[in-house]
N, C-alpha and C. Protein backbone atom coordinates (compact mmCIF):
# COMPACT_ATOMS: atom_id res chain seq x y z
N MET A 1 24.10 -20.49 56.42
CA MET A 1 23.90 -19.96 55.09
C MET A 1 24.80 -19.29 54.33
N TYR A 2 24.68 -19.63 53.11
CA TYR A 2 25.66 -18.82 52.10
C TYR A 2 25.33 -18.02 51.03
N CYS A 3 25.15 -16.53 50.91
CA CYS A 3 24.61 -16.07 49.73
C CYS A 3 25.59 -15.43 48.79
N VAL A 4 24.85 -15.36 47.67
CA VAL A 4 25.59 -14.55 46.50
C VAL A 4 24.72 -13.64 46.02
N SER A 5 25.34 -12.21 45.62
CA SER A 5 24.44 -11.27 45.14
C SER A 5 24.96 -11.01 43.70
N TYR A 6 23.74 -10.96 42.60
CA TYR A 6 24.16 -10.81 41.43
C TYR A 6 23.73 -9.25 40.85
N LYS A 7 24.31 -8.99 39.71
CA LYS A 7 23.65 -7.98 38.89
C LYS A 7 23.66 -8.47 37.54
N PHE A 8 22.37 -8.16 36.70
CA PHE A 8 22.21 -8.67 35.53
C PHE A 8 21.98 -7.28 34.53
N THR A 9 22.55 -7.54 33.43
CA THR A 9 22.34 -6.64 32.31
C THR A 9 21.75 -7.03 31.13
N LEU A 10 20.37 -6.48 30.80
CA LEU A 10 19.89 -6.98 29.60
C LEU A 10 20.31 -6.33 28.28
N LEU A 11 20.61 -7.23 27.05
CA LEU A 11 20.99 -6.77 26.04
C LEU A 11 20.10 -5.75 25.34
N SER A 12 18.73 -5.68 25.75
CA SER A 12 17.64 -5.19 25.19
C SER A 12 16.60 -4.98 26.53
N ASN A 13 16.72 -3.72 26.81
CA ASN A 13 15.60 -3.37 27.99
C ASN A 13 14.21 -2.77 27.86
N ASN A 14 13.44 -3.82 27.33
CA ASN A 14 12.00 -3.57 27.03
C ASN A 14 11.24 -4.30 28.04
N SER A 15 9.99 -4.21 27.77
CA SER A 15 9.12 -5.22 28.54
C SER A 15 9.19 -6.54 28.18
N GLU A 16 9.18 -6.64 26.90
CA GLU A 16 9.11 -8.32 26.58
C GLU A 16 10.44 -8.93 26.94
N THR A 17 11.46 -8.22 26.68
CA THR A 17 12.88 -8.80 27.26
C THR A 17 12.94 -8.99 28.62
N ARG A 18 12.31 -8.17 29.50
CA ARG A 18 12.44 -8.31 30.72
C ARG A 18 11.45 -9.43 31.10
N ARG A 19 10.27 -9.80 30.80
CA ARG A 19 9.24 -10.84 30.79
C ARG A 19 10.17 -12.20 30.37
N GLN A 20 10.75 -12.19 29.60
CA GLN A 20 11.40 -13.47 28.99
C GLN A 20 12.59 -13.60 30.24
N PHE A 21 13.28 -12.56 30.48
CA PHE A 21 14.38 -12.71 31.37
C PHE A 21 13.97 -13.36 32.58
N ILE A 22 12.94 -12.86 33.01
CA ILE A 22 12.32 -13.47 34.40
C ILE A 22 11.70 -14.86 34.36
N ALA A 23 11.51 -15.07 33.16
CA ALA A 23 11.12 -16.66 32.93
C ALA A 23 12.33 -17.44 32.81
N VAL A 24 13.19 -17.17 32.49
CA VAL A 24 14.48 -17.86 32.22
C VAL A 24 15.17 -17.95 33.57
N TRP A 25 15.33 -17.10 34.23
CA TRP A 25 16.07 -16.86 35.48
C TRP A 25 15.12 -17.88 36.56
N SER A 26 13.61 -17.60 36.44
CA SER A 26 13.05 -18.30 37.23
C SER A 26 13.36 -20.26 36.99
N GLY A 27 13.29 -20.65 35.62
CA GLY A 27 13.41 -21.82 35.36
C GLY A 27 15.15 -21.97 35.83
N LEU A 28 16.12 -21.28 35.69
CA LEU A 28 17.35 -21.78 36.20
C LEU A 28 17.44 -21.73 37.81
N THR A 29 16.60 -20.80 38.43
CA THR A 29 16.51 -21.12 39.98
C THR A 29 16.04 -22.36 40.29
N LEU A 30 14.97 -22.55 39.82
CA LEU A 30 14.37 -24.12 39.82
C LEU A 30 15.33 -25.04 39.75
N PHE A 31 16.17 -25.21 38.68
CA PHE A 31 17.02 -26.16 38.49
C PHE A 31 18.15 -26.31 39.55
N PHE A 32 18.62 -24.80 40.18
CA PHE A 32 19.52 -25.16 41.01
C PHE A 32 18.89 -25.50 42.41
N ARG A 33 17.68 -25.16 42.65
CA ARG A 33 17.15 -25.61 43.90
C ARG A 33 16.56 -26.91 43.83
N GLU A 34 16.27 -27.67 42.79
CA GLU A 34 16.05 -29.17 42.87
C GLU A 34 17.09 -29.83 42.57
N SER A 35 18.10 -29.62 41.84
CA SER A 35 18.90 -30.39 41.39
C SER A 35 20.34 -30.50 42.25
N CYS A 36 20.64 -29.06 42.88
CA CYS A 36 21.98 -28.80 43.28
C CYS A 36 21.77 -28.19 44.91
N GLY A 37 20.71 -28.24 45.36
CA GLY A 37 20.61 -28.15 46.82
C GLY A 37 20.62 -26.50 47.25
N ALA A 38 20.23 -25.84 45.99
CA ALA A 38 20.32 -24.36 46.46
C ALA A 38 18.90 -24.17 47.47
N LEU A 39 18.83 -23.05 48.23
CA LEU A 39 17.62 -22.74 48.88
C LEU A 39 16.53 -21.84 48.18
N GLY A 40 17.06 -21.26 46.96
CA GLY A 40 16.08 -20.45 46.17
C GLY A 40 17.05 -19.12 46.00
N SER A 41 16.29 -18.23 45.58
CA SER A 41 16.60 -16.91 44.94
C SER A 41 15.75 -15.78 45.08
N ARG A 42 16.00 -14.54 45.13
CA ARG A 42 15.11 -13.30 44.76
C ARG A 42 15.53 -12.65 43.78
N LEU A 43 14.65 -12.05 42.98
CA LEU A 43 15.07 -11.07 41.73
C LEU A 43 14.43 -9.92 41.73
N HIS A 44 15.18 -8.97 41.49
CA HIS A 44 14.58 -7.54 41.90
C HIS A 44 14.86 -6.79 40.55
N TYR A 45 13.91 -5.65 40.42
CA TYR A 45 14.33 -4.83 39.16
C TYR A 45 14.33 -3.48 39.66
N ALA A 46 15.57 -2.89 39.55
CA ALA A 46 15.78 -1.69 39.89
C ALA A 46 15.96 -0.37 38.99
N ASP A 47 15.62 0.73 40.09
CA ASP A 47 15.29 1.99 38.97
C ASP A 47 16.18 2.31 37.96
N ASP A 48 17.51 1.80 38.15
CA ASP A 48 18.77 2.02 37.42
C ASP A 48 18.59 1.11 36.20
N GLY A 49 17.43 0.24 35.86
CA GLY A 49 17.16 -0.36 34.68
C GLY A 49 18.02 -1.79 34.67
N TYR A 50 18.75 -2.34 36.00
CA TYR A 50 19.27 -3.50 36.02
C TYR A 50 18.70 -4.46 36.68
N PHE A 51 18.75 -5.88 36.60
CA PHE A 51 18.20 -6.71 37.62
C PHE A 51 19.22 -7.12 38.48
N TYR A 52 18.86 -7.21 39.79
CA TYR A 52 19.52 -7.46 41.01
C TYR A 52 19.17 -9.12 41.70
N ALA A 53 19.86 -9.89 41.90
CA ALA A 53 19.30 -10.94 42.95
C ALA A 53 20.26 -11.46 43.83
N TYR A 54 19.77 -12.18 44.80
CA TYR A 54 20.68 -12.93 45.60
C TYR A 54 20.25 -14.33 45.70
N ALA A 55 21.17 -15.20 45.66
CA ALA A 55 20.88 -16.83 45.93
C ALA A 55 21.06 -17.26 47.27
N GLN A 56 20.43 -18.10 47.98
CA GLN A 56 20.78 -18.63 49.15
C GLN A 56 21.25 -20.26 49.02
N TRP A 57 22.31 -20.44 49.70
CA TRP A 57 22.78 -21.65 49.67
C TRP A 57 22.74 -22.36 51.16
N PRO A 58 22.78 -23.54 51.28
CA PRO A 58 23.10 -24.35 52.84
C PRO A 58 24.42 -23.69 53.13
N SER A 59 25.59 -23.90 52.36
CA SER A 59 26.90 -23.52 52.72
C SER A 59 27.58 -23.40 51.49
N LYS A 60 28.67 -22.71 51.37
CA LYS A 60 29.71 -22.47 50.18
C LYS A 60 30.19 -23.56 49.65
N THR A 61 30.23 -24.92 50.48
CA THR A 61 30.26 -26.17 49.82
C THR A 61 29.51 -26.79 48.79
N VAL A 62 28.39 -26.51 49.26
CA VAL A 62 27.02 -26.94 48.30
C VAL A 62 27.24 -26.12 47.30
N LYS A 63 27.19 -24.89 47.24
CA LYS A 63 27.31 -23.95 46.08
C LYS A 63 28.31 -24.23 45.20
N GLU A 64 29.66 -24.67 45.49
CA GLU A 64 30.72 -24.87 44.79
C GLU A 64 30.35 -26.43 44.33
N ALA A 65 29.78 -27.30 44.87
CA ALA A 65 29.76 -28.51 44.40
C ALA A 65 28.38 -28.64 43.16
N ALA A 66 27.66 -27.58 43.09
CA ALA A 66 26.50 -27.25 41.90
C ALA A 66 27.22 -27.39 40.74
N GLY A 67 28.42 -26.68 40.69
CA GLY A 67 29.23 -26.62 39.35
C GLY A 67 29.80 -28.31 38.96
N ASN A 68 29.65 -29.03 39.76
CA ASN A 68 29.75 -30.33 39.06
C ASN A 68 28.57 -31.21 38.83
N ILE A 69 27.30 -30.70 38.99
CA ILE A 69 26.06 -31.47 38.66
C ILE A 69 25.84 -31.33 37.17
N ALA A 70 25.68 -32.35 36.63
CA ALA A 70 25.31 -32.47 35.06
C ALA A 70 24.37 -31.60 34.46
N PRO A 71 24.27 -30.68 33.87
CA PRO A 71 22.92 -30.10 33.48
C PRO A 71 21.92 -30.88 32.41
N THR A 72 20.62 -30.72 32.60
CA THR A 72 19.82 -31.13 32.03
C THR A 72 19.54 -30.75 30.50
N GLU A 73 18.77 -31.23 29.81
CA GLU A 73 18.48 -30.49 28.33
C GLU A 73 17.71 -29.21 28.53
N SER A 74 16.99 -29.31 29.33
CA SER A 74 16.09 -27.88 29.63
C SER A 74 17.10 -26.85 30.20
N PHE A 75 17.62 -27.29 31.07
CA PHE A 75 18.79 -26.28 31.68
C PHE A 75 19.65 -25.67 30.59
N GLY A 76 20.13 -26.56 29.68
CA GLY A 76 20.87 -26.06 28.60
C GLY A 76 20.03 -25.14 27.38
N LYS A 77 18.83 -25.42 27.46
CA LYS A 77 17.83 -24.55 26.39
C LYS A 77 17.72 -23.09 27.40
N LEU A 78 17.60 -23.14 28.35
CA LEU A 78 17.64 -21.97 29.29
C LEU A 78 18.83 -21.18 29.25
N ARG A 79 19.80 -21.76 29.49
CA ARG A 79 21.22 -21.11 29.32
C ARG A 79 21.36 -20.48 28.10
N MET A 80 21.07 -21.11 26.77
CA MET A 80 21.13 -20.40 25.66
C MET A 80 20.37 -19.38 25.40
N LYS A 81 19.01 -19.44 25.92
CA LYS A 81 18.11 -18.49 25.89
C LYS A 81 18.59 -17.07 26.69
N TRP A 82 19.30 -17.17 27.87
CA TRP A 82 19.71 -16.53 28.73
C TRP A 82 20.90 -15.66 27.81
N ALA A 83 21.80 -16.03 26.97
CA ALA A 83 22.63 -15.55 26.48
C ALA A 83 22.16 -14.67 25.24
N GLU A 84 20.95 -14.94 24.79
CA GLU A 84 20.23 -14.24 23.91
C GLU A 84 19.91 -12.72 24.33
N LEU A 85 19.27 -12.94 25.93
CA LEU A 85 18.70 -11.80 26.65
C LEU A 85 19.66 -11.07 27.59
N ALA A 86 20.90 -11.68 28.02
CA ALA A 86 21.40 -10.84 28.87
C ALA A 86 22.95 -11.04 28.73
N GLY A 87 23.98 -10.00 29.37
CA GLY A 87 25.24 -10.26 28.96
C GLY A 87 25.72 -10.98 30.35
N PRO A 88 26.78 -11.16 30.61
CA PRO A 88 27.32 -11.97 31.66
C PRO A 88 27.19 -11.50 32.96
N SER A 89 26.82 -12.65 33.98
CA SER A 89 26.27 -12.15 35.37
C SER A 89 27.47 -11.63 36.03
N GLU A 90 27.17 -10.52 36.83
CA GLU A 90 28.19 -9.85 37.71
C GLU A 90 27.93 -10.09 39.14
N VAL A 91 28.90 -10.63 39.61
CA VAL A 91 28.75 -11.16 41.10
C VAL A 91 29.17 -9.86 41.80
N LEU A 92 28.29 -9.40 42.78
CA LEU A 92 28.73 -8.17 43.50
C LEU A 92 29.24 -8.62 44.88
N TRP A 93 28.88 -9.55 45.50
CA TRP A 93 29.37 -9.98 46.60
C TRP A 93 28.94 -11.59 46.87
N GLU A 94 29.63 -12.19 47.77
CA GLU A 94 29.17 -13.54 48.32
C GLU A 94 29.87 -13.58 49.67
N GLY A 95 29.01 -14.36 50.63
CA GLY A 95 29.53 -14.63 51.99
C GLY A 95 28.51 -15.23 52.77
N GLU A 96 29.00 -15.71 54.02
CA GLU A 96 28.10 -16.32 55.04
C GLU A 96 27.30 -15.22 55.63
N VAL A 97 25.93 -15.84 56.16
CA VAL A 97 24.99 -14.98 56.81
C VAL A 97 25.45 -14.92 58.22
N VAL A 98 25.52 -13.59 58.86
CA VAL A 98 26.00 -13.67 59.95
C VAL A 98 24.94 -12.97 61.14
N ALA A 99 23.72 -12.24 60.35
CA ALA A 99 22.63 -12.04 61.12
C ALA A 99 21.16 -11.95 60.23
N ASP A 100 20.43 -12.42 60.60
CA ASP A 100 19.20 -12.78 59.77
C ASP A 100 17.70 -12.19 60.25
N MET A 101 17.34 -11.07 59.55
CA MET A 101 16.22 -10.47 60.34
C MET A 101 14.75 -10.63 59.39
N LEU A 102 15.27 -11.41 58.18
CA LEU A 102 13.70 -11.82 57.16
C LEU A 102 12.83 -12.84 58.08
N SER A 103 11.59 -12.57 57.74
CA SER A 103 10.60 -13.45 58.34
C SER A 103 10.11 -14.35 57.28
């Protein structure tokens, strides 16, 4: 399994923007899961005011191939909404799972 960890910065950090961001993030994650072979993702909101997530993929190859999948119209709308809510995503790290203690 291959994982990627992200940090997201909202352009306006208020409760309505956070609610909208969670909805957009969920929609994009669903697209990657249903159309690109992703295993899913978890989103966290931290005390420092940032959102953090990590996405799981069966392999690095599957993750990289996702970039070749044609986006749907709804995906495009979600990406446009994302641009209204957040700055560019920051990749914190990525790599292969070497031990897994989640149940």
